Amino acid sequence: FPGARSVSVVGSFNDWRPVSIPLEDRDHDGVWQAAVVLPTGTHEYMFVVDAERWVTDPLAGRYVDDGFGRQNALLFVRPETR
């Protein structure tokens, strides 16, 4: 998200709370990231840019209707294998 002042990830894993998982762009290249530990399963998510604009991940590949006329991205977390 080049030019963004802040980006958070929200989803089914954090009750869609916009400020609970902020992302960082340490080198100011427009690539925002964070490390998040999620339980096994399917998770819906979006990004919140500058605390107001909800954006679907364009690189997710899988989506589901969010019930509000938009699409939530889907993330599949598989069980850890040893």
Protein backbone atom coordinates (compact mmCIF):
# COMPACT_ATOMS: atom_id res chain seq x y z
CA PHE A 1 0.00 0.00 0.00
CA PRO A 2 2.35 2.72 -1.20
CA GLY A 3 1.60 6.10 0.38
CA ALA A 4 -0.39 4.66 3.28
CA ARG A 5 0.22 6.08 6.76
CA SER A 6 -1.01 2.92 8.53
CA VAL A 7 -2.23 -0.57 7.63
CA SER A 8 -3.83 -3.19 9.89
CA VAL A 9 -5.02 -6.70 9.16
CA VAL A 10 -8.48 -7.60 10.43
CA GLY A 11 -10.44 -10.78 10.20
CA SER A 12 -12.34 -13.63 11.72
CA PHE A 13 -9.27 -14.35 13.89
CA ASN A 14 -9.44 -11.00 15.77
CA ASP A 15 -13.17 -10.18 15.70
CA TRP A 16 -12.54 -7.65 12.88
CA ARG A 17 -10.91 -5.15 15.28
CA PRO A 18 -8.96 -2.68 13.09
CA VAL A 19 -6.25 -1.68 15.57
CA SER A 20 -5.35 -5.04 17.09
CA ILE A 21 -2.84 -6.18 14.42
CA PRO A 22 -0.95 -3.24 12.91
CA LEU A 23 1.40 -3.93 10.01
CA GLU A 24 4.80 -2.26 9.53
CA ASP A 25 6.61 -0.88 6.50
CA ARG A 26 10.07 -0.49 8.01
CA ASP A 27 11.92 0.37 4.79
CA HIS A 28 9.08 2.51 3.34
CA ASP A 29 8.84 0.46 0.15
CA GLY A 30 5.03 0.12 0.30
CA VAL A 31 5.18 -3.51 1.50
CA TRP A 32 3.51 -3.87 4.89
CA GLN A 33 4.03 -6.92 7.12
CA ALA A 34 3.52 -8.51 10.53
CA ALA A 35 3.98 -11.93 12.07
CA VAL A 36 0.75 -13.44 13.37
CA VAL A 37 0.21 -16.90 14.85
CA LEU A 38 -3.18 -18.29 13.78
CA PRO A 39 -4.95 -21.52 14.66
CA THR A 40 -5.44 -24.22 12.05
CA GLY A 41 -8.44 -23.59 9.84
CA THR A 42 -9.91 -21.16 7.34
CA HIS A 43 -9.79 -17.45 8.16
CA GLU A 44 -11.44 -14.49 6.42
CA TYR A 45 -9.55 -11.19 6.39
CA MET A 46 -9.17 -7.68 4.93
CA PHE A 47 -6.77 -4.79 5.36
CA VAL A 48 -7.66 -1.43 6.91
CA VAL A 49 -5.63 1.38 5.33
CA ASP A 50 -5.21 4.70 7.17
CA ALA A 51 -7.78 3.60 9.79
CA GLU A 52 -10.73 4.05 7.41
CA ARG A 53 -10.43 2.28 4.05
CA TRP A 54 -11.18 -1.47 4.09
CA VAL A 55 -9.32 -3.21 1.26
CA THR A 56 -9.50 -6.81 0.06
CA ASP A 57 -6.11 -8.48 -0.45
CA PRO A 58 -5.68 -8.46 -4.26
CA LEU A 59 -3.15 -11.32 -4.04
CA ALA A 60 -5.19 -13.74 -1.91
CA GLY A 61 -6.46 -15.93 -4.74
CA ARG A 62 -9.53 -17.14 -2.80
CA TYR A 63 -12.41 -14.97 -1.68
CA VAL A 64 -15.84 -15.16 -0.05
CA ASP A 65 -18.72 -12.68 -0.12
CA ASP A 66 -18.70 -10.61 3.09
CA GLY A 67 -22.45 -9.94 3.14
CA PHE A 68 -21.90 -6.19 2.66
CA GLY A 69 -21.22 -6.16 -1.08
CA ARG A 70 -17.47 -6.80 -0.84
CA GLN A 71 -15.18 -9.80 -0.80
CA ASN A 72 -13.14 -11.08 2.15
CA ALA A 73 -9.89 -12.80 1.32
CA LEU A 74 -9.48 -16.38 2.57
CA LEU A 75 -6.40 -17.74 4.33
CA PHE A 76 -6.00 -21.47 4.93
CA VAL A 77 -3.79 -22.50 7.86
CA ARG A 78 -2.80 -26.14 7.79
CA PRO A 79 -1.79 -28.21 10.81
CA GLU A 80 1.90 -28.22 11.60
CA THR A 81 3.69 -31.32 10.32
CA ARG A 82 6.73 -32.79 11.99
